[in-house]
N, C-alpha and C. Protein backbone atom coordinates (compact mmCIF):
# COMPACT_ATOMS: atom_id res chain seq x y z
N MET A 1 -10.24 -2.33 -27.37
CA MET A 1 -11.20 -1.46 -26.73
C MET A 1 -11.11 -1.91 -25.10
N VAL A 2 -10.98 -0.89 -24.46
CA VAL A 2 -11.13 -0.76 -23.11
C VAL A 2 -12.30 -0.71 -22.52
N ASN A 3 -12.46 -1.67 -21.46
CA ASN A 3 -13.82 -1.85 -20.90
C ASN A 3 -14.01 -0.93 -19.76
N ARG A 4 -15.18 -1.05 -19.22
CA ARG A 4 -15.55 -0.14 -17.95
C ARG A 4 -14.55 -0.57 -16.77
N ALA A 5 -14.55 -1.90 -16.62
CA ALA A 5 -13.91 -2.29 -15.47
C ALA A 5 -12.61 -1.96 -15.45
N ASP A 6 -11.78 -1.75 -16.68
CA ASP A 6 -10.45 -1.46 -16.85
C ASP A 6 -10.28 0.18 -16.55
N LYS A 7 -11.35 0.86 -16.96
CA LYS A 7 -11.33 2.38 -16.80
C LYS A 7 -11.37 2.70 -15.17
N VAL A 8 -12.32 1.96 -14.69
CA VAL A 8 -12.54 2.08 -13.16
C VAL A 8 -11.28 1.57 -12.32
N ALA A 9 -10.61 0.43 -12.96
CA ALA A 9 -9.46 0.00 -12.15
C ALA A 9 -8.28 1.27 -12.28
N GLY A 10 -8.13 1.78 -13.56
CA GLY A 10 -7.10 2.98 -13.44
C GLY A 10 -7.59 4.14 -12.52
N LEU A 11 -8.70 4.53 -12.56
CA LEU A 11 -9.17 5.56 -11.64
C LEU A 11 -9.07 5.11 -10.16
N LEU A 12 -9.44 3.80 -9.82
CA LEU A 12 -9.04 3.47 -8.48
C LEU A 12 -7.67 3.68 -8.18
N ARG A 13 -6.77 3.03 -9.06
CA ARG A 13 -5.42 2.92 -8.77
C ARG A 13 -4.72 4.61 -8.36
N ARG A 14 -5.22 5.50 -9.30
CA ARG A 14 -4.77 6.73 -8.98
C ARG A 14 -5.29 7.29 -7.72
N GLU A 15 -6.52 7.16 -7.45
CA GLU A 15 -7.34 7.84 -6.22
C GLU A 15 -6.80 7.10 -5.03
N LEU A 16 -6.64 5.79 -5.10
CA LEU A 16 -6.02 5.10 -3.80
C LEU A 16 -4.42 5.64 -3.47
N ALA A 17 -3.64 5.57 -4.56
CA ALA A 17 -2.34 6.25 -4.28
C ALA A 17 -2.45 7.66 -3.70
N SER A 18 -3.51 8.29 -4.19
CA SER A 18 -3.52 9.98 -3.51
C SER A 18 -4.04 9.69 -2.18
N ILE A 19 -4.98 9.04 -1.92
CA ILE A 19 -5.64 8.80 -0.60
C ILE A 19 -4.63 8.36 0.38
N ILE A 20 -3.84 7.24 0.12
CA ILE A 20 -2.71 6.89 0.97
C ILE A 20 -1.75 7.88 1.36
N GLN A 21 -1.41 8.47 0.14
CA GLN A 21 -0.28 9.50 0.34
C GLN A 21 -0.94 10.67 1.03
N GLN A 22 -1.96 11.06 0.88
CA GLN A 22 -2.22 12.40 1.51
C GLN A 22 -3.06 12.30 2.96
N ALA A 23 -3.97 11.35 2.84
CA ALA A 23 -4.93 11.16 4.08
C ALA A 23 -4.38 10.36 5.24
N PHE A 24 -3.20 9.50 4.83
CA PHE A 24 -2.88 8.56 5.77
C PHE A 24 -1.29 8.80 6.03
N GLU A 25 -0.62 10.00 5.46
CA GLU A 25 0.62 9.95 5.65
C GLU A 25 1.34 9.89 6.93
N HIS A 26 0.81 10.39 7.92
CA HIS A 26 1.34 10.48 9.04
C HIS A 26 1.21 9.15 9.91
N GLU A 27 0.18 8.28 9.33
CA GLU A 27 -0.04 7.32 10.22
C GLU A 27 0.34 5.67 9.66
N ILE A 28 0.74 5.77 8.30
CA ILE A 28 1.28 4.57 7.65
C ILE A 28 2.70 4.52 7.99
N PRO A 29 2.94 3.25 8.08
CA PRO A 29 4.36 2.84 8.70
C PRO A 29 5.38 3.42 7.45
N GLN A 30 6.60 4.00 7.81
CA GLN A 30 7.38 4.46 6.79
C GLN A 30 7.97 3.35 6.12
N GLY A 31 8.04 3.76 4.79
CA GLY A 31 8.58 2.86 3.87
C GLY A 31 8.33 3.32 2.49
N LEU A 32 9.06 2.79 1.55
CA LEU A 32 8.68 3.11 0.14
C LEU A 32 7.77 2.04 -0.39
N PHE A 33 6.69 2.46 -1.10
CA PHE A 33 5.82 1.25 -1.53
C PHE A 33 4.97 2.11 -2.44
N SER A 34 4.26 1.28 -3.34
CA SER A 34 3.47 1.94 -4.30
C SER A 34 2.21 0.94 -4.67
N ILE A 35 1.09 1.54 -5.25
CA ILE A 35 0.14 0.69 -5.83
C ILE A 35 0.39 0.41 -7.25
N THR A 36 0.54 -0.95 -7.54
CA THR A 36 1.22 -1.36 -8.76
C THR A 36 -0.02 -1.55 -9.76
N ASP A 37 -1.35 -2.28 -9.26
CA ASP A 37 -2.20 -2.64 -10.06
C ASP A 37 -3.58 -2.75 -9.22
N VAL A 38 -4.49 -2.52 -9.89
CA VAL A 38 -6.01 -2.73 -9.35
C VAL A 38 -6.67 -3.48 -10.22
N GLU A 39 -7.36 -4.50 -9.92
CA GLU A 39 -8.04 -5.55 -10.89
C GLU A 39 -9.54 -5.36 -10.26
N VAL A 40 -10.58 -5.07 -11.02
CA VAL A 40 -11.86 -4.84 -10.71
C VAL A 40 -12.72 -5.80 -11.31
N ALA A 41 -13.51 -6.38 -10.35
CA ALA A 41 -14.62 -7.60 -10.77
C ALA A 41 -15.49 -6.89 -11.96
N ARG A 42 -15.99 -7.57 -12.84
CA ARG A 42 -16.85 -7.05 -14.13
C ARG A 42 -17.93 -6.41 -13.63
N ASP A 43 -18.61 -6.82 -12.59
CA ASP A 43 -19.73 -5.97 -11.81
C ASP A 43 -19.42 -4.88 -10.96
N LEU A 44 -18.01 -4.71 -10.90
CA LEU A 44 -17.45 -3.40 -10.20
C LEU A 44 -17.64 -3.38 -8.58
N SER A 45 -17.86 -4.59 -8.05
CA SER A 45 -18.29 -4.81 -6.72
C SER A 45 -17.02 -4.85 -5.80
N HIS A 46 -16.01 -5.62 -6.41
CA HIS A 46 -14.77 -5.85 -5.59
C HIS A 46 -13.69 -5.59 -6.42
N ALA A 47 -12.73 -5.12 -5.57
CA ALA A 47 -11.37 -4.75 -6.32
C ALA A 47 -10.29 -5.31 -5.42
N LYS A 48 -9.11 -5.86 -6.38
CA LYS A 48 -8.09 -6.43 -5.73
C LYS A 48 -6.93 -5.29 -6.05
N VAL A 49 -6.32 -4.89 -4.73
CA VAL A 49 -5.23 -4.01 -4.95
C VAL A 49 -3.76 -4.57 -4.60
N TYR A 50 -2.97 -4.43 -5.64
CA TYR A 50 -1.79 -4.93 -5.33
C TYR A 50 -0.78 -3.92 -5.16
N VAL A 51 -0.02 -3.99 -3.97
CA VAL A 51 1.05 -3.10 -3.34
C VAL A 51 2.36 -3.79 -3.41
N ALA A 52 3.23 -2.86 -4.21
CA ALA A 52 4.64 -3.30 -4.02
C ALA A 52 5.34 -2.49 -2.92
N ILE A 53 6.04 -3.18 -2.17
CA ILE A 53 6.68 -2.68 -0.99
C ILE A 53 7.96 -2.96 -1.10
N TYR A 54 8.89 -1.92 -1.10
CA TYR A 54 10.57 -1.91 -1.46
C TYR A 54 11.43 -2.38 -0.23
N GLU A 55 10.90 -2.22 0.72
CA GLU A 55 11.54 -2.54 1.96
C GLU A 55 11.08 -3.52 2.62
N GLN A 56 11.80 -4.71 2.53
CA GLN A 56 11.25 -6.10 3.05
C GLN A 56 10.90 -6.02 4.56
N ASP A 57 11.60 -5.18 5.42
CA ASP A 57 11.30 -5.23 6.90
C ASP A 57 10.14 -4.42 7.29
N GLN A 58 9.50 -3.75 6.17
CA GLN A 58 8.26 -3.10 6.48
C GLN A 58 6.94 -3.68 5.79
N VAL A 59 7.20 -4.80 5.12
CA VAL A 59 5.87 -5.50 4.22
C VAL A 59 4.75 -5.90 5.31
N GLN A 60 5.26 -6.48 6.39
CA GLN A 60 4.12 -6.97 7.32
C GLN A 60 3.39 -5.63 8.00
N ALA A 61 4.22 -4.63 8.20
CA ALA A 61 3.59 -3.40 8.76
C ALA A 61 2.85 -2.91 7.91
N VAL A 62 3.10 -2.47 6.64
CA VAL A 62 2.22 -1.83 5.72
C VAL A 62 1.13 -2.53 5.35
N MET A 63 1.15 -3.99 5.22
CA MET A 63 -0.19 -4.75 4.79
C MET A 63 -0.92 -4.73 5.95
N ASP A 64 -0.50 -5.04 7.20
CA ASP A 64 -1.30 -4.88 8.46
C ASP A 64 -2.00 -3.56 8.49
N PHE A 65 -1.54 -2.36 8.30
CA PHE A 65 -1.91 -1.13 8.30
C PHE A 65 -2.98 -1.06 7.11
N LEU A 66 -2.96 -1.36 5.96
CA LEU A 66 -3.75 -1.43 5.07
C LEU A 66 -5.07 -2.19 5.34
N SER A 67 -4.80 -3.35 5.76
CA SER A 67 -6.01 -4.33 6.03
C SER A 67 -6.90 -3.57 7.37
N GLU A 68 -6.18 -2.98 8.34
CA GLU A 68 -6.92 -2.64 9.51
C GLU A 68 -7.67 -1.13 8.92
N HIS A 69 -7.18 -0.30 7.97
CA HIS A 69 -7.89 0.82 7.82
C HIS A 69 -8.55 0.60 6.38
N VAL A 70 -8.95 -0.49 5.93
CA VAL A 70 -9.67 -0.62 4.58
C VAL A 70 -10.94 0.04 4.59
N GLY A 71 -11.48 0.18 5.80
CA GLY A 71 -12.90 0.83 5.79
C GLY A 71 -12.88 2.39 5.76
N ALA A 72 -11.76 2.75 6.22
CA ALA A 72 -11.60 4.19 6.21
C ALA A 72 -10.92 4.55 4.71
N ILE A 73 -10.26 3.99 4.00
CA ILE A 73 -9.79 4.22 2.86
C ILE A 73 -10.84 4.19 1.78
N ARG A 74 -11.80 2.98 1.86
CA ARG A 74 -12.81 2.86 0.89
C ARG A 74 -13.91 4.14 1.23
N HIS A 75 -13.97 4.54 2.47
CA HIS A 75 -14.97 5.74 2.81
C HIS A 75 -14.46 7.03 1.98
N GLU A 76 -13.04 7.21 2.28
CA GLU A 76 -12.57 8.33 1.61
C GLU A 76 -12.49 8.17 -0.02
N LEU A 77 -12.35 7.00 -0.51
CA LEU A 77 -12.66 6.62 -2.06
C LEU A 77 -13.91 6.99 -2.51
N GLY A 78 -14.90 6.70 -1.51
CA GLY A 78 -16.38 7.07 -1.74
C GLY A 78 -16.71 8.35 -2.07
N LYS A 79 -15.85 9.22 -1.23
CA LYS A 79 -16.24 10.87 -1.37
C LYS A 79 -15.31 11.32 -2.62
N ARG A 80 -14.41 10.71 -3.27
CA ARG A 80 -13.47 11.33 -4.41
C ARG A 80 -14.08 10.86 -5.74
N VAL A 81 -14.57 9.52 -5.77
CA VAL A 81 -15.14 9.11 -6.92
C VAL A 81 -16.60 8.88 -7.28
N ARG A 82 -17.06 9.00 -8.52
CA ARG A 82 -18.52 9.01 -8.77
C ARG A 82 -18.82 7.71 -9.23
N LEU A 83 -19.06 6.82 -8.31
CA LEU A 83 -19.56 5.45 -8.75
C LEU A 83 -20.85 5.08 -7.92
N ARG A 84 -21.78 4.49 -8.39
CA ARG A 84 -23.03 4.03 -7.93
C ARG A 84 -22.46 3.26 -6.63
N ILE A 85 -21.69 2.20 -6.83
CA ILE A 85 -21.14 1.19 -5.61
C ILE A 85 -19.59 1.53 -5.74
N VAL A 86 -19.10 1.60 -4.49
CA VAL A 86 -17.68 1.67 -4.19
C VAL A 86 -17.25 0.32 -4.06
N PRO A 87 -16.33 -0.31 -4.80
CA PRO A 87 -16.12 -1.76 -4.57
C PRO A 87 -15.42 -1.79 -3.31
N THR A 88 -15.46 -3.12 -2.55
CA THR A 88 -14.85 -3.40 -1.49
C THR A 88 -13.36 -3.77 -1.98
N LEU A 89 -12.39 -3.38 -0.86
CA LEU A 89 -11.08 -3.45 -1.30
C LEU A 89 -10.54 -4.75 -0.56
N LYS A 90 -9.60 -5.26 -1.34
CA LYS A 90 -8.77 -6.21 -0.79
C LYS A 90 -7.32 -5.83 -1.14
N PHE A 91 -6.41 -5.89 -0.13
CA PHE A 91 -4.93 -5.55 -0.51
C PHE A 91 -4.16 -6.77 -0.65
N PHE A 92 -3.14 -6.94 -1.63
CA PHE A 92 -2.32 -8.00 -1.69
C PHE A 92 -0.91 -7.53 -2.05
N HIS A 93 0.03 -8.20 -1.43
CA HIS A 93 1.54 -7.73 -1.48
C HIS A 93 1.89 -8.18 -2.94
N ASP A 94 2.50 -7.28 -3.91
CA ASP A 94 2.65 -7.65 -5.19
C ASP A 94 4.41 -7.98 -5.11
N THR A 95 4.54 -9.16 -5.40
CA THR A 95 5.99 -9.65 -5.41
C THR A 95 6.61 -9.58 -6.77
N SER A 96 6.13 -9.22 -7.69
CA SER A 96 6.43 -9.31 -9.34
C SER A 96 7.85 -8.51 -9.34
N SER A 97 8.07 -7.43 -8.66
CA SER A 97 9.33 -6.79 -8.74
C SER A 97 10.53 -7.63 -8.22
N GLU A 98 10.24 -8.27 -7.14
CA GLU A 98 11.07 -9.19 -6.43
C GLU A 98 11.48 -10.27 -7.18
N SER A 99 10.54 -10.80 -7.89
CA SER A 99 10.77 -12.10 -8.75
C SER A 99 11.61 -11.60 -10.04
N GLY A 100 11.31 -10.46 -10.57
CA GLY A 100 12.09 -9.83 -11.76
C GLY A 100 13.53 -9.74 -11.28
N ALA A 101 13.71 -9.07 -10.08
CA ALA A 101 15.15 -8.83 -9.63
C ALA A 101 15.85 -10.23 -9.40
N ARG A 102 15.07 -11.27 -8.88
CA ARG A 102 15.89 -12.66 -8.69
C ARG A 102 16.19 -13.22 -10.07
N ILE A 103 15.34 -13.11 -11.19
CA ILE A 103 15.56 -13.64 -12.44
C ILE A 103 16.70 -12.83 -13.04
N ASP A 104 16.83 -11.61 -12.75
CA ASP A 104 17.84 -10.72 -13.56
C ASP A 104 19.22 -11.30 -12.71
N ALA A 105 19.28 -11.53 -11.27
CA ALA A 105 20.47 -11.72 -10.67
C ALA A 105 20.84 -13.18 -11.21
N LEU A 106 19.99 -14.18 -11.40
CA LEU A 106 20.25 -15.55 -12.00
C LEU A 106 20.81 -15.44 -13.33
N LEU A 107 20.30 -14.51 -14.37
CA LEU A 107 20.63 -14.45 -15.49
C LEU A 107 22.14 -13.81 -15.49
N ALA A 108 22.44 -12.81 -14.74
CA ALA A 108 23.85 -12.25 -14.80
C ALA A 108 24.71 -13.46 -14.10
N LYS A 109 24.37 -14.15 -13.37
CA LYS A 109 25.19 -15.18 -12.63
C LYS A 109 25.31 -16.10 -13.86
N ALA A 110 24.52 -16.57 -14.53
CA ALA A 110 24.65 -17.61 -15.73
C ALA A 110 25.55 -16.90 -16.76
N ARG A 111 25.48 -15.58 -16.91
CA ARG A 111 26.46 -14.94 -18.20
C ARG A 111 27.93 -15.08 -17.48
N ARG A 112 28.15 -14.84 -16.25
CA ARG A 112 29.46 -14.86 -15.78
C ARG A 112 30.05 -16.35 -15.51
N SER A 113 29.14 -17.39 -15.52
CA SER A 113 29.82 -18.67 -15.63
C SER A 113 30.37 -19.06 -16.93
């Protein structure tokens, strides 16, 4: 059974991706990135947003941009979702894809040996 926090997390993930793509497309540093996951507290007051950034030279610029504009992003989110309280947002760099690629490379190297 899916609980309310999981449903809200899915909704926030979709809306945040849309907001960043549409409302901030001309301001955000160029680079390929995506919102990979959103974890919402049980009381829906806080949300951790995980962002995968595929160009390593853009990681700091994108994370700085998101941190600086968190208030504007949350404000736009409040316009789009019907929640009594819009959760505070905190952005984190998601390195799981990098770890997976490193493990794949190590496995391939071990197979060759």
